[in-house]
PDB file of all heavy atoms in Angstrom:
ATOM      1  N   ASP A   1     176.077 139.348 110.792  1.00  0.00           N
ATOM      2  CA  ASP A   1     176.959 140.500 110.651  1.00  0.00           C
ATOM      3  C   ASP A   1     176.613 141.278 109.395  1.00  0.00           C
ATOM      4  O   ASP A   1     176.196 140.699 108.374  1.00  0.00           O
ATOM      5  CB  ASP A   1     178.421 140.063 110.583  1.00  0.00           C
ATOM      6  CG  ASP A   1     178.914 139.489 111.901  1.00  0.00           C
ATOM      7  OD1 ASP A   1     178.318 139.824 112.945  1.00  0.00           O
ATOM      8  OD2 ASP A   1     179.875 138.702 111.882  1.00  0.00           O
ATOM      9  N   GLY A   2     176.791 142.607 109.447  1.00  0.00           N
ATOM     10  CA  GLY A   2     176.551 143.457 108.296  1.00  0.00           C
ATOM     11  C   GLY A   2     177.754 143.533 107.386  1.00  0.00           C
ATOM     12  O   GLY A   2     178.788 142.895 107.640  1.00  0.00           O
ATOM     13  N   PRO A   3     177.656 144.311 106.310  1.00  0.00           N
ATOM     14  CA  PRO A   3     178.769 144.456 105.356  1.00  0.00           C
ATOM     15  C   PRO A   3     180.038 144.991 106.004  1.00  0.00           C
ATOM     16  O   PRO A   3     181.145 144.733 105.511  1.00  0.00           O
ATOM     17  CB  PRO A   3     178.220 145.457 104.321  1.00  0.00           C
ATOM     18  CG  PRO A   3     176.736 145.356 104.444  1.00  0.00           C
ATOM     19  CD  PRO A   3     176.464 145.062 105.879  1.00  0.00           C
ATOM     20  N   ASP A   4     179.877 145.717 107.117  1.00  0.00           N
ATOM     21  CA  ASP A   4     181.055 146.269 107.791  1.00  0.00           C
ATOM     22  C   ASP A   4     181.672 145.294 108.774  1.00  0.00           C
ATOM     23  O   ASP A   4     182.634 145.614 109.475  1.00  0.00           O
ATOM     24  CB  ASP A   4     180.696 147.570 108.509  1.00  0.00           C
ATOM     25  CG  ASP A   4     179.569 147.382 109.529  1.00  0.00           C
ATOM     26  OD1 ASP A   4     179.090 146.233 109.683  1.00  0.00           O
ATOM     27  OD2 ASP A   4     179.169 148.385 110.154  1.00  0.00           O
ATOM     28  N   GLY A   5     181.106 144.088 108.852  1.00  0.00           N
ATOM     29  CA  GLY A   5     181.632 143.073 109.759  1.00  0.00           C
ATOM     30  C   GLY A   5     181.109 143.185 111.178  1.00  0.00           C
ATOM     31  O   GLY A   5     181.409 142.332 112.013  1.00  0.00           O
ATOM     32  N   LEU A   6     180.317 144.222 111.454  1.00  0.00           N
ATOM     33  CA  LEU A   6     179.743 144.401 112.781  1.00  0.00           C
ATOM     34  C   LEU A   6     178.377 143.728 112.855  1.00  0.00           C
ATOM     35  O   LEU A   6     177.672 143.611 111.844  1.00  0.00           O
ATOM     36  CB  LEU A   6     179.610 145.893 113.101  1.00  0.00           C
ATOM     37  CG  LEU A   6     180.922 146.680 113.170  1.00  0.00           C
ATOM     38  CD1 LEU A   6     180.641 148.168 113.369  1.00  0.00           C
ATOM     39  CD2 LEU A   6     181.802 146.138 114.293  1.00  0.00           C
ATOM     40  N   PRO A   7     177.979 143.294 114.053  1.00  0.00           N
ATOM     41  CA  PRO A   7     176.687 142.602 114.178  1.00  0.00           C
ATOM     42  C   PRO A   7     175.523 143.511 113.807  1.00  0.00           C
ATOM     43  O   PRO A   7     175.487 144.696 114.158  1.00  0.00           O
ATOM     44  CB  PRO A   7     176.629 142.229 115.667  1.00  0.00           C
ATOM     45  CG  PRO A   7     178.050 142.255 116.129  1.00  0.00           C
ATOM     46  CD  PRO A   7     178.713 143.322 115.321  1.00  0.00           C
ATOM     47  N   LEU A   8     174.569 142.947 113.069  1.00  0.00           N
ATOM     48  CA  LEU A   8     173.306 143.617 112.814  1.00  0.00           C
ATOM     49  C   LEU A   8     172.382 143.358 113.995  1.00  0.00           C
ATOM     50  O   LEU A   8     172.381 142.252 114.551  1.00  0.00           O
ATOM     51  CB  LEU A   8     172.660 143.094 111.530  1.00  0.00           C
ATOM     52  CG  LEU A   8     173.417 143.326 110.227  1.00  0.00           C
ATOM     53  CD1 LEU A   8     172.756 142.563 109.095  1.00  0.00           C
ATOM     54  CD2 LEU A   8     173.482 144.810 109.915  1.00  0.00           C
ATOM     55  N   PRO A   9     171.599 144.322 114.416  1.00  0.00           N
ATOM     56  CA  PRO A   9     170.715 144.078 115.556  1.00  0.00           C
ATOM     57  C   PRO A   9     169.654 143.028 115.214  1.00  0.00           C
ATOM     58  O   PRO A   9     168.948 143.180 114.205  1.00  0.00           O
ATOM     59  CB  PRO A   9     170.079 145.444 115.825  1.00  0.00           C
ATOM     60  CG  PRO A   9     170.247 146.218 114.559  1.00  0.00           C
ATOM     61  CD  PRO A   9     171.494 145.706 113.923  1.00  0.00           C
ATOM     62  N   PRO A  10     169.537 141.967 116.001  1.00  0.00           N
ATOM     63  CA  PRO A  10     168.486 140.963 115.775  1.00  0.00           C
ATOM     64  C   PRO A  10     167.157 141.505 116.302  1.00  0.00           C
ATOM     65  O   PRO A  10     166.718 141.212 117.420  1.00  0.00           O
ATOM     66  CB  PRO A  10     168.973 139.756 116.580  1.00  0.00           C
ATOM     67  CG  PRO A  10     169.818 140.335 117.657  1.00  0.00           C
ATOM     68  CD  PRO A  10     170.423 141.592 117.122  1.00  0.00           C
ATOM     69  N   TYR A  11     166.495 142.290 115.467  1.00  0.00           N
ATOM     70  CA  TYR A  11     165.382 143.135 115.904  1.00  0.00           C
ATOM     71  C   TYR A  11     164.293 143.116 114.840  1.00  0.00           C
ATOM     72  O   TYR A  11     164.580 143.268 113.650  1.00  0.00           O
ATOM     73  CB  TYR A  11     165.925 144.547 116.102  1.00  0.00           C
ATOM     74  CG  TYR A  11     164.908 145.649 116.293  1.00  0.00           C
ATOM     75  CD1 TYR A  11     164.480 146.008 117.565  1.00  0.00           C
ATOM     76  CD2 TYR A  11     164.402 146.358 115.207  1.00  0.00           C
ATOM     77  CE1 TYR A  11     163.580 147.045 117.759  1.00  0.00           C
ATOM     78  CE2 TYR A  11     163.495 147.393 115.387  1.00  0.00           C
ATOM     79  CZ  TYR A  11     163.085 147.735 116.666  1.00  0.00           C
ATOM     80  OH  TYR A  11     162.190 148.758 116.843  1.00  0.00           O
ATOM     81  N   LYS A  12     163.051 142.926 115.257  1.00  0.00           N
ATOM     82  CA  LYS A  12     161.926 142.939 114.315  1.00  0.00           C
ATOM     83  C   LYS A  12     160.730 143.630 114.959  1.00  0.00           C
ATOM     84  O   LYS A  12     160.584 143.648 116.179  1.00  0.00           O
ATOM     85  CB  LYS A  12     161.518 141.522 113.912  1.00  0.00           C
ATOM     86  CG  LYS A  12     162.524 140.802 113.034  1.00  0.00           C
ATOM     87  CD  LYS A  12     162.530 141.328 111.594  1.00  0.00           C
ATOM     88  CE  LYS A  12     161.268 140.930 110.844  1.00  0.00           C
ATOM     89  NZ  LYS A  12     161.344 141.300 109.402  1.00  0.00           N
ATOM     90  N   ILE A  13     159.858 144.155 114.085  1.00  0.00           N
ATOM     91  CA  ILE A  13     158.576 144.735 114.500  1.00  0.00           C
ATOM     92  C   ILE A  13     157.493 144.155 113.588  1.00  0.00           C
ATOM     93  O   ILE A  13     157.678 144.070 112.368  1.00  0.00           O
ATOM     94  CB  ILE A  13     158.572 146.272 114.358  1.00  0.00           C
ATOM     95  CG1 ILE A  13     159.597 146.917 115.296  1.00  0.00           C
ATOM     96  CG2 ILE A  13     157.172 146.824 114.622  1.00  0.00           C
ATOM     97  CD1 ILE A  13     159.179 146.962 116.733  1.00  0.00           C
ATOM     98  N   TYR A  14     156.377 143.762 114.181  1.00  0.00           N
ATOM     99  CA  TYR A  14     155.234 143.292 113.387  1.00  0.00           C
ATOM    100  C   TYR A  14     153.956 143.991 113.835  1.00  0.00           C
ATOM    101  O   TYR A  14     153.780 144.295 115.022  1.00  0.00           O
ATOM    102  CB  TYR A  14     155.023 141.780 113.564  1.00  0.00           C
ATOM    103  CG  TYR A  14     156.094 140.914 112.968  1.00  0.00           C
ATOM    104  CD1 TYR A  14     157.113 140.392 113.769  1.00  0.00           C
ATOM    105  CD2 TYR A  14     156.108 140.596 111.608  1.00  0.00           C
ATOM    106  CE1 TYR A  14     158.103 139.588 113.235  1.00  0.00           C
ATOM    107  CE2 TYR A  14     157.102 139.794 111.066  1.00  0.00           C
ATOM    108  CZ  TYR A  14     158.091 139.286 111.878  1.00  0.00           C
ATOM    109  OH  TYR A  14     159.075 138.485 111.348  1.00  0.00           O
ATOM    110  N   ASN A  15     153.065 144.236 112.877  1.00  0.00           N
ATOM    111  CA  ASN A  15     151.690 144.593 113.191  1.00  0.00           C
ATOM    112  C   ASN A  15     150.887 143.322 113.421  1.00  0.00           C
ATOM    113  O   ASN A  15     151.050 142.341 112.690  1.00  0.00           O
ATOM    114  CB  ASN A  15     151.028 145.335 112.022  1.00  0.00           C
ATOM    115  CG  ASN A  15     151.553 146.747 111.831  1.00  0.00           C
ATOM    116  OD1 ASN A  15     151.999 147.389 112.775  1.00  0.00           O
ATOM    117  ND2 ASN A  15     151.473 147.246 110.606  1.00  0.00           N
ATOM    118  N   ILE A  16     150.015 143.329 114.424  1.00  0.00           N
ATOM    119  CA  ILE A  16     149.016 142.263 114.552  1.00  0.00           C
ATOM    120  C   ILE A  16     147.656 142.935 114.645  1.00  0.00           C
ATOM    121  O   ILE A  16     147.275 143.473 115.683  1.00  0.00           O
ATOM    122  CB  ILE A  16     149.251 141.359 115.783  1.00  0.00           C
ATOM    123  CG1 ILE A  16     150.660 140.760 115.768  1.00  0.00           C
ATOM    124  CG2 ILE A  16     148.221 140.243 115.805  1.00  0.00           C
ATOM    125  CD1 ILE A  16     150.912 139.733 116.857  1.00  0.00           C
ATOM    126  N   GLY A  17     146.958 142.949 113.533  1.00  0.00           N
ATOM    127  CA  GLY A  17     145.643 143.573 113.440  1.00  0.00           C
ATOM    128  C   GLY A  17     144.776 142.828 112.458  1.00  0.00           C
ATOM    129  O   GLY A  17     145.254 141.985 111.693  1.00  0.00           O
ATOM    130  N   ASN A  18     143.505 143.144 112.449  1.00  0.00           N
ATOM    131  CA  ASN A  18     142.544 142.409 111.628  1.00  0.00           C
ATOM    132  C   ASN A  18     142.540 142.847 110.171  1.00  0.00           C
ATOM    133  O   ASN A  18     141.897 142.222 109.333  1.00  0.00           O
ATOM    134  CB  ASN A  18     141.135 142.552 112.214  1.00  0.00           C
ATOM    135  CG  ASN A  18     140.234 141.394 111.853  1.00  0.00           C
ATOM    136  OD1 ASN A  18     140.636 140.239 111.951  1.00  0.00           O
ATOM    137  ND2 ASN A  18     139.025 141.702 111.431  1.00  0.00           N
ATOM    138  N   SER A  19     143.222 143.947 109.873  1.00  0.00           N
ATOM    139  CA  SER A  19     143.340 144.464 108.503  1.00  0.00           C
ATOM    140  C   SER A  19     141.984 144.760 107.867  1.00  0.00           C
ATOM    141  O   SER A  19     141.815 144.654 106.648  1.00  0.00           O
ATOM    142  CB  SER A  19     144.120 143.484 107.607  1.00  0.00           C
ATOM    143  OG  SER A  19     145.391 143.229 108.146  1.00  0.00           O
ATOM    144  N   HIS A  20     141.018 145.099 108.706  1.00  0.00           N
ATOM    145  CA  HIS A  20     139.681 145.407 108.199  1.00  0.00           C
ATOM    146  C   HIS A  20     139.010 146.394 109.155  1.00  0.00           C
ATOM    147  O   HIS A  20     138.206 146.007 109.994  1.00  0.00           O
ATOM    148  CB  HIS A  20     138.839 144.131 108.074  1.00  0.00           C
ATOM    149  CG  HIS A  20     137.504 144.358 107.423  1.00  0.00           C
ATOM    150  ND1 HIS A  20     137.366 144.634 106.089  1.00  0.00           N
ATOM    151  CD2 HIS A  20     136.256 144.370 107.947  1.00  0.00           C
ATOM    152  CE1 HIS A  20     136.084 144.791 105.804  1.00  0.00           C
ATOM    153  NE2 HIS A  20     135.382 144.635 106.915  1.00  0.00           N
ATOM    154  N   PRO A  21     139.354 147.677 109.063  1.00  0.00           N
ATOM    155  CA  PRO A  21     138.817 148.648 110.016  1.00  0.00           C
ATOM    156  C   PRO A  21     137.302 148.785 109.923  1.00  0.00           C
ATOM    157  O   PRO A  21     136.736 148.799 108.828  1.00  0.00           O
ATOM    158  CB  PRO A  21     139.521 149.951 109.641  1.00  0.00           C
ATOM    159  CG  PRO A  21     139.995 149.750 108.243  1.00  0.00           C
ATOM    160  CD  PRO A  21     140.263 148.298 108.079  1.00  0.00           C
ATOM    161  N   GLU A  22     136.685 148.864 111.096  1.00  0.00           N
ATOM    162  CA  GLU A  22     135.229 148.981 111.191  1.00  0.00           C
ATOM    163  C   GLU A  22     134.872 150.335 111.800  1.00  0.00           C
ATOM    164  O   GLU A  22     135.552 150.827 112.692  1.00  0.00           O
ATOM    165  CB  GLU A  22     134.668 147.882 112.108  1.00  0.00           C
ATOM    166  CG  GLU A  22     135.056 146.463 111.714  1.00  0.00           C
ATOM    167  CD  GLU A  22     134.096 145.854 110.706  1.00  0.00           C
ATOM    168  OE1 GLU A  22     133.135 146.552 110.323  1.00  0.00           O
ATOM    169  OE2 GLU A  22     134.318 144.686 110.338  1.00  0.00           O
ATOM    170  N   LYS A  23     133.760 150.924 111.322  1.00  0.00           N
ATOM    171  CA  LYS A  23     133.273 152.163 111.926  1.00  0.00           C
ATOM    172  C   LYS A  23     132.824 151.880 113.353  1.00  0.00           C
ATOM    173  O   LYS A  23     132.178 150.869 113.622  1.00  0.00           O
ATOM    174  CB  LYS A  23     132.117 152.737 111.112  1.00  0.00           C
ATOM    175  CG  LYS A  23     132.546 153.403 109.816  1.00  0.00           C
ATOM    176  CD  LYS A  23     131.362 153.994 109.076  1.00  0.00           C
ATOM    177  CE  LYS A  23     130.728 155.119 109.882  1.00  0.00           C
ATOM    178  NZ  LYS A  23     129.638 155.789 109.102  1.00  0.00           N
ATOM    179  N   LEU A  24     133.150 152.790 114.248  1.00  0.00           N
ATOM    180  CA  LEU A  24     132.815 152.594 115.647  1.00  0.00           C
ATOM    181  C   LEU A  24     131.306 152.460 115.839  1.00  0.00           C
ATOM    182  O   LEU A  24     130.847 151.644 116.651  1.00  0.00           O
ATOM    183  CB  LEU A  24     133.357 153.753 116.483  1.00  0.00           C
ATOM    184  CG  LEU A  24     133.178 153.658 117.998  1.00  0.00           C
ATOM    185  CD1 LEU A  24     133.783 152.367 118.545  1.00  0.00           C
ATOM    186  CD2 LEU A  24     133.793 154.875 118.688  1.00  0.00           C
ATOM    187  N   LEU A  25     130.532 153.229 115.091  1.00  0.00           N
ATOM    188  CA  LEU A  25     129.074 153.139 115.227  1.00  0.00           C
ATOM    189  C   LEU A  25     128.582 151.754 114.823  1.00  0.00           C
ATOM    190  O   LEU A  25     127.713 151.173 115.482  1.00  0.00           O
ATOM    191  CB  LEU A  25     128.395 154.212 114.384  1.00  0.00           C
ATOM    192  CG  LEU A  25     126.867 154.292 114.505  1.00  0.00           C
ATOM    193  CD1 LEU A  25     126.447 154.511 115.948  1.00  0.00           C
ATOM    194  CD2 LEU A  25     126.323 155.419 113.621  1.00  0.00           C
ATOM    195  N   ASP A  26     129.135 151.196 113.751  1.00  0.00           N
ATOM    196  CA  ASP A  26     128.750 149.843 113.331  1.00  0.00           C
ATOM    197  C   ASP A  26     129.136 148.821 114.397  1.00  0.00           C
ATOM    198  O   ASP A  26     128.380 147.888 114.687  1.00  0.00           O
ATOM    199  CB  ASP A  26     129.427 149.487 112.006  1.00  0.00           C
ATOM    200  CG  ASP A  26     128.938 150.341 110.841  1.00  0.00           C
ATOM    201  OD1 ASP A  26     127.844 150.930 110.966  1.00  0.00           O
ATOM    202  OD2 ASP A  26     129.659 150.437 109.834  1.00  0.00           O
ATOM    203  N   PHE A  27     130.317 149.013 114.967  1.00  0.00           N
ATOM    204  CA  PHE A  27     130.800 148.111 116.022  1.00  0.00           C
ATOM    205  C   PHE A  27     129.819 148.092 117.192  1.00  0.00           C
ATOM    206  O   PHE A  27     129.441 147.027 117.695  1.00  0.00           O
ATOM    207  CB  PHE A  27     132.183 148.588 116.486  1.00  0.00           C
ATOM    208  CG  PHE A  27     132.791 147.793 117.615  1.00  0.00           C
ATOM    209  CD1 PHE A  27     133.580 146.699 117.354  1.00  0.00           C
ATOM    210  CD2 PHE A  27     132.577 148.166 118.930  1.00  0.00           C
ATOM    211  CE1 PHE A  27     134.156 145.971 118.392  1.00  0.00           C
ATOM    212  CE2 PHE A  27     133.139 147.446 119.975  1.00  0.00           C
ATOM    213  CZ  PHE A  27     133.933 146.342 119.705  1.00  0.00           C
ATOM    214  N   VAL A  28     129.382 149.281 117.620  1.00  0.00           N
ATOM    215  CA  VAL A  28     128.493 149.366 118.779  1.00  0.00           C
ATOM    216  C   VAL A  28     127.123 148.787 118.456  1.00  0.00           C
ATOM    217  O   VAL A  28     126.489 148.149 119.304  1.00  0.00           O
ATOM    218  CB  VAL A  28     128.374 150.820 119.272  1.00  0.00           C
ATOM    219  CG1 VAL A  28     127.464 150.895 120.493  1.00  0.00           C
ATOM    220  CG2 VAL A  28     129.743 151.376 119.622  1.00  0.00           C
ATOM    221  N   GLU A  29     126.661 148.973 117.236  1.00  0.00           N
ATOM    222  CA  GLU A  29     125.369 148.406 116.855  1.00  0.00           C
ATOM    223  C   GLU A  29     125.408 146.878 116.890  1.00  0.00           C
ATOM    224  O   GLU A  29     124.470 146.228 117.369  1.00  0.00           O
ATOM    225  CB  GLU A  29     124.969 148.909 115.467  1.00  0.00           C
ATOM    226  CG  GLU A  29     124.531 150.368 115.472  1.00  0.00           C
ATOM    227  CD  GLU A  29     124.167 150.887 114.094  1.00  0.00           C
ATOM    228  OE1 GLU A  29     124.527 150.214 113.092  1.00  0.00           O
ATOM    229  OE2 GLU A  29     123.542 151.955 114.003  1.00  0.00           O
ATOM    230  N   ILE A  30     126.497 146.300 116.404  1.00  0.00           N
ATOM    231  CA  ILE A  30     126.635 144.835 116.457  1.00  0.00           C
ATOM    232  C   ILE A  30     126.733 144.370 117.905  1.00  0.00           C
ATOM    233  O   ILE A  30     126.138 143.363 118.293  1.00  0.00           O
ATOM    234  CB  ILE A  30     127.865 144.373 115.642  1.00  0.00           C
ATOM    235  CG1 ILE A  30     127.671 144.671 114.162  1.00  0.00           C
ATOM    236  CG2 ILE A  30     128.118 142.875 115.847  1.00  0.00           C
ATOM    237  CD1 ILE A  30     128.903 144.412 113.314  1.00  0.00           C
ATOM    238  N   LEU A  31     127.476 145.110 118.725  1.00  0.00           N
ATOM    239  CA  LEU A  31     127.586 144.773 120.143  1.00  0.00           C
ATOM    240  C   LEU A  31     126.207 144.761 120.795  1.00  0.00           C
ATOM    241  O   LEU A  31     125.865 143.821 121.534  1.00  0.00           O
ATOM    242  CB  LEU A  31     128.487 145.785 120.851  1.00  0.00           C
ATOM    243  CG  LEU A  31     128.569 145.676 122.383  1.00  0.00           C
ATOM    244  CD1 LEU A  31     129.155 144.335 122.802  1.00  0.00           C
ATOM    245  CD2 LEU A  31     129.389 146.832 122.956  1.00  0.00           C
ATOM    246  N   GLN A  32     125.412 145.779 120.526  1.00  0.00           N
ATOM    247  CA  GLN A  32     124.059 145.844 121.094  1.00  0.00           C
ATOM    248  C   GLN A  32     123.216 144.656 120.639  1.00  0.00           C
ATOM    249  O   GLN A  32     122.481 144.051 121.435  1.00  0.00           O
ATOM    250  CB  GLN A  32     123.412 147.166 120.688  1.00  0.00           C
ATOM    251  CG  GLN A  32     121.943 147.298 121.080  1.00  0.00           C
ATOM    252  CD  GLN A  32     121.022 147.050 119.906  1.00  0.00           C
ATOM    253  OE1 GLN A  32     121.280 147.482 118.783  1.00  0.00           O
ATOM    254  NE2 GLN A  32     119.931 146.348 120.147  1.00  0.00           N
ATOM    255  N   GLU A  33     123.345 144.288 119.378  1.00  0.00           N
ATOM    256  CA  GLU A  33     122.583 143.147 118.862  1.00  0.00           C
ATOM    257  C   GLU A  33     122.999 141.846 119.546  1.00  0.00           C
ATOM    258  O   GLU A  33     122.154 141.022 119.898  1.00  0.00           O
ATOM    259  CB  GLU A  33     122.787 143.037 117.349  1.00  0.00           C
ATOM    260  CG  GLU A  33     122.152 144.172 116.547  1.00  0.00           C
ATOM    261  CD  GLU A  33     122.602 144.208 115.096  1.00  0.00           C
ATOM    262  OE1 GLU A  33     123.374 143.294 114.693  1.00  0.00           O
ATOM    263  OE2 GLU A  33     122.208 145.134 114.381  1.00  0.00           O
ATOM    264  N   GLU A  34     124.295 141.670 119.759  1.00  0.00           N
ATOM    265  CA  GLU A  34     124.767 140.434 120.378  1.00  0.00           C
ATOM    266  C   GLU A  34     124.447 140.403 121.872  1.00  0.00           C
ATOM    267  O   GLU A  34     124.193 139.333 122.430  1.00  0.00           O
ATOM    268  CB  GLU A  34     126.275 140.269 120.140  1.00  0.00           C
ATOM    269  CG  GLU A  34     126.629 139.998 118.685  1.00  0.00           C
ATOM    270  CD  GLU A  34     125.943 138.763 118.111  1.00  0.00           C
ATOM    271  OE1 GLU A  34     125.712 137.799 118.881  1.00  0.00           O
ATOM    272  OE2 GLU A  34     125.630 138.764 116.912  1.00  0.00           O
ATOM    273  N   LEU A  35     124.450 141.556 122.524  1.00  0.00           N
ATOM    274  CA  LEU A  35     124.025 141.611 123.929  1.00  0.00           C
ATOM    275  C   LEU A  35     122.542 141.260 124.051  1.00  0.00           C
ATOM    276  O   LEU A  35     122.117 140.615 125.012  1.00  0.00           O
ATOM    277  CB  LEU A  35     124.292 143.000 124.516  1.00  0.00           C
ATOM    278  CG  LEU A  35     125.756 143.389 124.734  1.00  0.00           C
ATOM    279  CD1 LEU A  35     125.868 144.852 125.133  1.00  0.00           C
ATOM    280  CD2 LEU A  35     126.416 142.496 125.784  1.00  0.00           C
ATOM    281  N   THR A  36     121.778 141.647 123.060  1.00  0.00           N
ATOM    282  CA  THR A  36     120.352 141.302 123.043  1.00  0.00           C
ATOM    283  C   THR A  36     120.168 139.808 122.821  1.00  0.00           C
ATOM    284  O   THR A  36     119.394 139.141 123.525  1.00  0.00           O
ATOM    285  CB  THR A  36     119.624 142.097 121.942  1.00  0.00           C
ATOM    286  OG1 THR A  36     119.783 143.496 122.186  1.00  0.00           O
ATOM    287  CG2 THR A  36     118.134 141.760 121.922  1.00  0.00           C
ATOM    288  N   THR A  37     120.900 139.255 121.861  1.00  0.00           N
ATOM    289  CA  THR A  37     120.821 137.816 121.581  1.00  0.00           C
ATOM    290  C   THR A  37     121.237 136.993 122.793  1.00  0.00           C
ATOM    291  O   THR A  37     120.669 135.931 123.065  1.00  0.00           O
ATOM    292  CB  THR A  37     121.726 137.455 120.380  1.00  0.00           C
ATOM    293  OG1 THR A  37     121.295 138.186 119.227  1.00  0.00           O
ATOM    294  CG2 THR A  37     121.671 135.966 120.079  1.00  0.00           C
ATOM    295  N   ALA A  38     122.213 137.501 123.555  1.00  0.00           N
ATOM    296  CA  ALA A  38     122.690 136.796 124.750  1.00  0.00           C
ATOM    297  C   ALA A  38     121.735 136.950 125.936  1.00  0.00           C
ATOM    298  O   ALA A  38     121.989 136.382 127.004  1.00  0.00           O
ATOM    299  CB  ALA A  38     124.079 137.301 125.128  1.00  0.00           C
ATOM    300  N   GLY A  39     120.657 137.720 125.743  1.00  0.00           N
ATOM    301  CA  GLY A  39     119.667 137.876 126.801  1.00  0.00           C
ATOM    302  C   GLY A  39     120.020 138.923 127.839  1.00  0.00           C
ATOM    303  O   GLY A  39     119.361 139.007 128.885  1.00  0.00           O
ATOM    304  N   ILE A  40     121.046 139.715 127.568  1.00  0.00           N
ATOM    305  CA  ILE A  40     121.465 140.738 128.528  1.00  0.00           C
ATOM    306  C   ILE A  40     120.614 141.993 128.372  1.00  0.00           C
ATOM    307  O   ILE A  40     120.239 142.634 129.349  1.00  0.00           O
ATOM    308  CB  ILE A  40     122.955 141.065 128.347  1.00  0.00           C
ATOM    309  CG1 ILE A  40     123.796 139.800 128.520  1.00  0.00           C
ATOM    310  CG2 ILE A  40     123.414 142.135 129.334  1.00  0.00           C
ATOM    311  CD1 ILE A  40     125.227 139.957 128.100  1.00  0.00           C
TER     312      ILE A  40
END
């Protein structure tokens, strides 16, 4: 309950992310390298 005696909403929001943004071009270059390593 809040200070006014009324219920507080049992409500939360969270971020779930890697906290380390990568440039899209770098991402694609790594993807290409790993596809090559996997023989694709």
